[in-house]
Amino acid sequence: MDAHARPAGAADKGRSDWCHWHKGPSETARQVRLVERQSGSPLPLYACAPCREQRDLSPAIGWVEV
């Protein structure tokens, strides 16, 4: 599996159930980056609350907590 890929069926609405930093499931993951690809749409990357805090990551601009 690609290091940036999420498991099939993961939501893509600013939230995810997958953290790309610790590469595991998470109920607190939020989109923090977009990675450009050679073809296709940019790939969103998600980080959970502990990983965002440890790595000083901020949710993507425009993210609104609901």
PDB file of N, CA and C in Angstrom:
ATOM      1  N   MET A   1       0.848  -1.188   0.000  1.00  0.00           N
ATOM      2  CA  MET A   1       0.000   0.000   0.000  1.00  0.00           C
ATOM      3  C   MET A   1       0.888   1.243   0.000  1.00  0.00           C
ATOM      4  N   ASP A   2       0.482   2.242  -0.783  1.00  0.00           N
ATOM      5  CA  ASP A   2       1.180   3.525  -0.826  1.00  0.00           C
ATOM      6  C   ASP A   2       1.193   4.131   0.581  1.00  0.00           C
ATOM      7  N   ALA A   3       2.316   4.734   0.971  1.00  0.00           N
ATOM      8  CA  ALA A   3       2.454   5.311   2.318  1.00  0.00           C
ATOM      9  C   ALA A   3       1.424   6.400   2.573  1.00  0.00           C
ATOM     10  N   HIS A   4       0.911   7.024   1.510  1.00  0.00           N
ATOM     11  CA  HIS A   4      -0.065   8.106   1.675  1.00  0.00           C
ATOM     12  C   HIS A   4      -1.490   7.642   1.441  1.00  0.00           C
ATOM     13  N   ALA A   5      -1.668   6.394   1.068  1.00  0.00           N
ATOM     14  CA  ALA A   5      -3.008   5.903   0.756  1.00  0.00           C
ATOM     15  C   ALA A   5      -3.779   5.546   2.020  1.00  0.00           C
ATOM     16  N   ARG A   6      -5.088   5.725   1.934  1.00  0.00           N
ATOM     17  CA  ARG A   6      -5.959   5.327   3.030  1.00  0.00           C
ATOM     18  C   ARG A   6      -6.666   4.050   2.631  1.00  0.00           C
ATOM     19  N   PRO A   7      -7.155   3.307   3.590  1.00  0.00           N
ATOM     20  CA  PRO A   7      -7.921   2.105   3.257  1.00  0.00           C
ATOM     21  C   PRO A   7      -9.152   2.459   2.434  1.00  0.00           C
ATOM     22  N   ALA A   8      -9.572   1.519   1.603  1.00  0.00           N
ATOM     23  CA  ALA A   8     -10.764   1.733   0.784  1.00  0.00           C
ATOM     24  C   ALA A   8     -11.955   2.043   1.675  1.00  0.00           C
ATOM     25  N   GLY A   9     -12.786   2.977   1.229  1.00  0.00           N
ATOM     26  CA  GLY A   9     -13.992   3.319   1.961  1.00  0.00           C
ATOM     27  C   GLY A   9     -13.818   4.437   2.972  1.00  0.00           C
ATOM     28  N   ALA A  10     -12.612   4.958   3.143  1.00  0.00           N
ATOM     29  CA  ALA A  10     -12.398   6.055   4.104  1.00  0.00           C
ATOM     30  C   ALA A  10     -13.053   7.324   3.567  1.00  0.00           C
ATOM     31  N   ALA A  11     -13.705   8.063   4.431  1.00  0.00           N
ATOM     32  CA  ALA A  11     -14.401   9.286   4.038  1.00  0.00           C
ATOM     33  C   ALA A  11     -13.415  10.351   3.593  1.00  0.00           C
ATOM     34  N   ASP A  12     -13.872  11.288   2.766  1.00  0.00           N
ATOM     35  CA  ASP A  12     -13.003  12.358   2.275  1.00  0.00           C
ATOM     36  C   ASP A  12     -13.749  13.688   2.335  1.00  0.00           C
ATOM     37  N   LYS A  13     -14.169  14.108   3.513  1.00  0.00           N
ATOM     38  CA  LYS A  13     -14.944  15.340   3.675  1.00  0.00           C
ATOM     39  C   LYS A  13     -14.299  16.221   4.735  1.00  0.00           C
ATOM     40  N   GLY A  14     -12.959  16.334   4.714  1.00  0.00           N
ATOM     41  CA  GLY A  14     -12.268  17.108   5.732  1.00  0.00           C
ATOM     42  C   GLY A  14     -11.967  16.266   6.959  1.00  0.00           C
ATOM     43  N   ARG A  15     -12.599  15.133   7.046  1.00  0.00           N
ATOM     44  CA  ARG A  15     -12.391  14.193   8.147  1.00  0.00           C
ATOM     45  C   ARG A  15     -12.013  12.844   7.564  1.00  0.00           C
ATOM     46  N   SER A  16     -11.411  12.060   8.376  1.00  0.00           N
ATOM     47  CA  SER A  16     -11.057  10.711   7.970  1.00  0.00           C
ATOM     48  C   SER A  16     -11.013   9.848   9.210  1.00  0.00           C
ATOM     49  N   ASP A  17     -11.052   8.566   9.016  1.00  0.00           N
ATOM     50  CA  ASP A  17     -10.869   7.661  10.142  1.00  0.00           C
ATOM     51  C   ASP A  17      -9.463   7.079  10.110  1.00  0.00           C
ATOM     52  N   TRP A  18      -8.556   7.747   9.375  1.00  0.00           N
ATOM     53  CA  TRP A  18      -7.195   7.269   9.179  1.00  0.00           C
ATOM     54  C   TRP A  18      -6.202   8.400   9.404  1.00  0.00           C
ATOM     55  N   CYS A  19      -5.117   8.132  10.138  1.00  0.00           N
ATOM     56  CA  CYS A  19      -4.040   9.104  10.333  1.00  0.00           C
ATOM     57  C   CYS A  19      -2.850   8.682   9.485  1.00  0.00           C
ATOM     58  N   HIS A  20      -2.416   9.564   8.587  1.00  0.00           N
ATOM     59  CA  HIS A  20      -1.277   9.252   7.726  1.00  0.00           C
ATOM     60  C   HIS A  20       0.051   9.324   8.459  1.00  0.00           C
ATOM     61  N   TRP A  21       0.101   9.976   9.615  1.00  0.00           N
ATOM     62  CA  TRP A  21       1.370  10.115  10.330  1.00  0.00           C
ATOM     63  C   TRP A  21       1.706   8.868  11.137  1.00  0.00           C
ATOM     64  N   HIS A  22       0.737   8.340  11.898  1.00  0.00           N
ATOM     65  CA  HIS A  22       1.054   7.104  12.633  1.00  0.00           C
ATOM     66  C   HIS A  22       0.541   5.875  11.881  1.00  0.00           C
ATOM     67  N   LYS A  23      -0.051   6.116  10.724  1.00  0.00           N
ATOM     68  CA  LYS A  23      -0.532   5.066   9.825  1.00  0.00           C
ATOM     69  C   LYS A  23      -1.461   4.085  10.536  1.00  0.00           C
ATOM     70  N   GLY A  24      -2.483   4.679  11.162  1.00  0.00           N
ATOM     71  CA  GLY A  24      -3.450   3.863  11.867  1.00  0.00           C
ATOM     72  C   GLY A  24      -4.798   4.545  11.960  1.00  0.00           C
ATOM     73  N   PRO A  25      -5.792   3.820  12.449  1.00  0.00           N
ATOM     74  CA  PRO A  25      -7.125   4.388  12.571  1.00  0.00           C
ATOM     75  C   PRO A  25      -7.184   5.495  13.613  1.00  0.00           C
ATOM     76  N   SER A  26      -8.133   6.414  13.432  1.00  0.00           N
ATOM     77  CA  SER A  26      -8.284   7.524  14.364  1.00  0.00           C
ATOM     78  C   SER A  26      -9.681   8.114  14.246  1.00  0.00           C
ATOM     79  N   GLU A  27     -10.245   8.493  15.372  1.00  0.00           N
ATOM     80  CA  GLU A  27     -11.537   9.181  15.365  1.00  0.00           C
ATOM     81  C   GLU A  27     -11.354  10.691  15.380  1.00  0.00           C
ATOM     82  N   THR A  28     -10.102  11.174  15.475  1.00  0.00           N
ATOM     83  CA  THR A  28      -9.842  12.614  15.567  1.00  0.00           C
ATOM     84  C   THR A  28      -9.059  13.153  14.374  1.00  0.00           C
ATOM     85  N   ALA A  29      -8.899  12.356  13.315  1.00  0.00           N
ATOM     86  CA  ALA A  29      -8.105  12.782  12.161  1.00  0.00           C
ATOM     87  C   ALA A  29      -8.789  13.927  11.426  1.00  0.00           C
ATOM     88  N   ARG A  30      -7.989  14.913  11.031  1.00  0.00           N
ATOM     89  CA  ARG A  30      -8.436  16.057  10.245  1.00  0.00           C
ATOM     90  C   ARG A  30      -7.448  16.265   9.105  1.00  0.00           C
ATOM     91  N   GLN A  31      -7.937  16.820   8.001  1.00  0.00           N
ATOM     92  CA  GLN A  31      -7.070  17.085   6.860  1.00  0.00           C
ATOM     93  C   GLN A  31      -6.078  18.180   7.227  1.00  0.00           C
ATOM     94  N   VAL A  32      -4.783  17.928   6.968  1.00  0.00           N
ATOM     95  CA  VAL A  32      -3.758  18.921   7.283  1.00  0.00           C
ATOM     96  C   VAL A  32      -2.927  19.312   6.058  1.00  0.00           C
ATOM     97  N   ARG A  33      -2.929  18.498   5.025  1.00  0.00           N
ATOM     98  CA  ARG A  33      -2.118  18.801   3.837  1.00  0.00           C
ATOM     99  C   ARG A  33      -2.749  18.209   2.593  1.00  0.00           C
ATOM    100  N   LEU A  34      -2.299  18.721   1.446  1.00  0.00           N
ATOM    101  CA  LEU A  34      -2.601  18.135   0.149  1.00  0.00           C
ATOM    102  C   LEU A  34      -1.278  17.808  -0.512  1.00  0.00           C
ATOM    103  N   VAL A  35      -1.171  16.627  -1.076  1.00  0.00           N
ATOM    104  CA  VAL A  35       0.047  16.206  -1.762  1.00  0.00           C
ATOM    105  C   VAL A  35      -0.251  16.161  -3.253  1.00  0.00           C
ATOM    106  N   GLU A  36       0.542  16.883  -4.032  1.00  0.00           N
ATOM    107  CA  GLU A  36       0.383  16.876  -5.483  1.00  0.00           C
ATOM    108  C   GLU A  36       0.817  15.528  -6.041  1.00  0.00           C
ATOM    109  N   ARG A  37       0.078  15.080  -7.052  1.00  0.00           N
ATOM    110  CA  ARG A  37       0.430  13.839  -7.742  1.00  0.00           C
ATOM    111  C   ARG A  37       0.703  14.159  -9.197  1.00  0.00           C
ATOM    112  N   GLN A  38       1.383  13.261  -9.890  1.00  0.00           N
ATOM    113  CA  GLN A  38       1.681  13.502 -11.297  1.00  0.00           C
ATOM    114  C   GLN A  38       0.422  13.527 -12.142  1.00  0.00           C
ATOM    115  N   SER A  39      -0.558  12.732 -11.762  1.00  0.00           N
ATOM    116  CA  SER A  39      -1.828  12.758 -12.480  1.00  0.00           C
ATOM    117  C   SER A  39      -2.956  12.651 -11.471  1.00  0.00           C
ATOM    118  N   GLY A  40      -4.049  13.269 -11.793  1.00  0.00           N
ATOM    119  CA  GLY A  40      -5.208  13.210 -10.915  1.00  0.00           C
ATOM    120  C   GLY A  40      -5.230  14.340  -9.902  1.00  0.00           C
ATOM    121  N   SER A  41      -6.213  14.288  -9.052  1.00  0.00           N
ATOM    122  CA  SER A  41      -6.412  15.311  -8.026  1.00  0.00           C
ATOM    123  C   SER A  41      -5.362  15.197  -6.933  1.00  0.00           C
ATOM    124  N   PRO A  42      -5.089  16.305  -6.232  1.00  0.00           N
ATOM    125  CA  PRO A  42      -4.181  16.229  -5.086  1.00  0.00           C
ATOM    126  C   PRO A  42      -4.732  15.247  -4.044  1.00  0.00           C
ATOM    127  N   LEU A  43      -3.851  14.618  -3.314  1.00  0.00           N
ATOM    128  CA  LEU A  43      -4.226  13.640  -2.306  1.00  0.00           C
ATOM    129  C   LEU A  43      -4.253  14.296  -0.931  1.00  0.00           C
ATOM    130  N   PRO A  44      -5.406  14.305  -0.254  1.00  0.00           N
ATOM    131  CA  PRO A  44      -5.452  14.887   1.088  1.00  0.00           C
ATOM    132  C   PRO A  44      -4.786  13.973   2.105  1.00  0.00           C
ATOM    133  N   LEU A  45      -4.035  14.560   3.024  1.00  0.00           N
ATOM    134  CA  LEU A  45      -3.418  13.807   4.116  1.00  0.00           C
ATOM    135  C   LEU A  45      -4.076  14.213   5.423  1.00  0.00           C
ATOM    136  N   TYR A  46      -4.292  13.242   6.291  1.00  0.00           N
ATOM    137  CA  TYR A  46      -4.994  13.448   7.544  1.00  0.00           C
ATOM    138  C   TYR A  46      -4.091  13.123   8.721  1.00  0.00           C
ATOM    139  N   ALA A  47      -4.273  13.862   9.808  1.00  0.00           N
ATOM    140  CA  ALA A  47      -3.515  13.619  11.041  1.00  0.00           C
ATOM    141  C   ALA A  47      -4.477  13.644  12.224  1.00  0.00           C
ATOM    142  N   CYS A  48      -4.253  12.734  13.170  1.00  0.00           N
ATOM    143  CA  CYS A  48      -5.086  12.688  14.378  1.00  0.00           C
ATOM    144  C   CYS A  48      -4.620  13.773  15.361  1.00  0.00           C
ATOM    145  N   ALA A  49      -5.414  14.003  16.389  1.00  0.00           N
ATOM    146  CA  ALA A  49      -5.105  15.051  17.371  1.00  0.00           C
ATOM    147  C   ALA A  49      -3.720  14.869  18.009  1.00  0.00           C
ATOM    148  N   PRO A  50      -3.349  13.674  18.498  1.00  0.00           N
ATOM    149  CA  PRO A  50      -2.012  13.529  19.089  1.00  0.00           C
ATOM    150  C   PRO A  50      -0.881  13.799  18.085  1.00  0.00           C
ATOM    151  N   CYS A  51      -1.036  13.326  16.851  1.00  0.00           N
ATOM    152  CA  CYS A  51       0.006  13.567  15.840  1.00  0.00           C
ATOM    153  C   CYS A  51       0.076  15.037  15.460  1.00  0.00           C
ATOM    154  N   ARG A  52      -1.086  15.727  15.375  1.00  0.00           N
ATOM    155  CA  ARG A  52      -1.072  17.166  15.073  1.00  0.00           C
ATOM    156  C   ARG A  52      -0.344  17.928  16.168  1.00  0.00           C
ATOM    157  N   GLU A  53      -0.583  17.558  17.418  1.00  0.00           N
ATOM    158  CA  GLU A  53       0.068  18.242  18.533  1.00  0.00           C
ATOM    159  C   GLU A  53       1.575  17.955  18.558  1.00  0.00           C
ATOM    160  N   GLN A  54       1.957  16.699  18.412  1.00  0.00           N
ATOM    161  CA  GLN A  54       3.379  16.319  18.458  1.00  0.00           C
ATOM    162  C   GLN A  54       4.178  16.947  17.328  1.00  0.00           C
ATOM    163  N   ARG A  55       3.552  17.104  16.164  1.00  0.00           N
ATOM    164  CA  ARG A  55       4.271  17.583  14.981  1.00  0.00           C
ATOM    165  C   ARG A  55       3.923  19.017  14.609  1.00  0.00           C
ATOM    166  N   ASP A  56       3.150  19.686  15.479  1.00  0.00           N
ATOM    167  CA  ASP A  56       2.741  21.075  15.261  1.00  0.00           C
ATOM    168  C   ASP A  56       2.054  21.252  13.909  1.00  0.00           C
ATOM    169  N   LEU A  57       1.108  20.351  13.605  1.00  0.00           N
ATOM    170  CA  LEU A  57       0.344  20.411  12.366  1.00  0.00           C
ATOM    171  C   LEU A  57      -0.970  21.123  12.636  1.00  0.00           C
ATOM    172  N   SER A  58      -1.433  21.886  11.678  1.00  0.00           N
ATOM    173  CA  SER A  58      -2.704  22.592  11.804  1.00  0.00           C
ATOM    174  C   SER A  58      -3.686  22.023  10.801  1.00  0.00           C
ATOM    175  N   PRO A  59      -4.972  21.965  11.150  1.00  0.00           N
ATOM    176  CA  PRO A  59      -5.977  21.551  10.158  1.00  0.00           C
ATOM    177  C   PRO A  59      -5.903  22.446   8.925  1.00  0.00           C
ATOM    178  N   ALA A  60      -6.275  21.885   7.785  1.00  0.00           N
ATOM    179  CA  ALA A  60      -6.212  22.624   6.527  1.00  0.00           C
ATOM    180  C   ALA A  60      -7.035  23.904   6.604  1.00  0.00           C
ATOM    181  N   ILE A  61      -6.601  24.923   5.882  1.00  0.00           N
ATOM    182  CA  ILE A  61      -7.306  26.204   5.838  1.00  0.00           C
ATOM    183  C   ILE A  61      -8.719  25.967   5.326  1.00  0.00           C
ATOM    184  N   GLY A  62      -9.659  26.608   5.967  1.00  0.00           N
ATOM    185  CA  GLY A  62     -11.040  26.448   5.578  1.00  0.00           C
ATOM    186  C   GLY A  62     -11.756  25.358   6.358  1.00  0.00           C
ATOM    187  N   TRP A  63     -11.023  24.625   7.185  1.00  0.00           N
ATOM    188  CA  TRP A  63     -11.638  23.556   7.980  1.00  0.00           C
ATOM    189  C   TRP A  63     -12.503  24.174   9.054  1.00  0.00           C
ATOM    190  N   VAL A  64     -13.730  23.711   9.134  1.00  0.00           N
ATOM    191  CA  VAL A  64     -14.652  24.175  10.163  1.00  0.00           C
ATOM    192  C   VAL A  64     -15.067  22.966  10.977  1.00  0.00           C
ATOM    193  N   GLU A  65     -14.843  23.006  12.272  1.00  0.00           N
ATOM    194  CA  GLU A  65     -15.228  21.906  13.157  1.00  0.00           C
ATOM    195  C   GLU A  65     -16.740  21.858  13.260  1.00  0.00           C
ATOM    196  N   VAL A  66     -17.331  20.680  13.066  1.00  0.00           N
ATOM    197  CA  VAL A  66     -18.789  20.514  13.169  1.00  0.00           C
ATOM    198  C   VAL A  66     -19.128  19.549  14.260  1.00  0.00           C
TER     199      VAL A  66
END
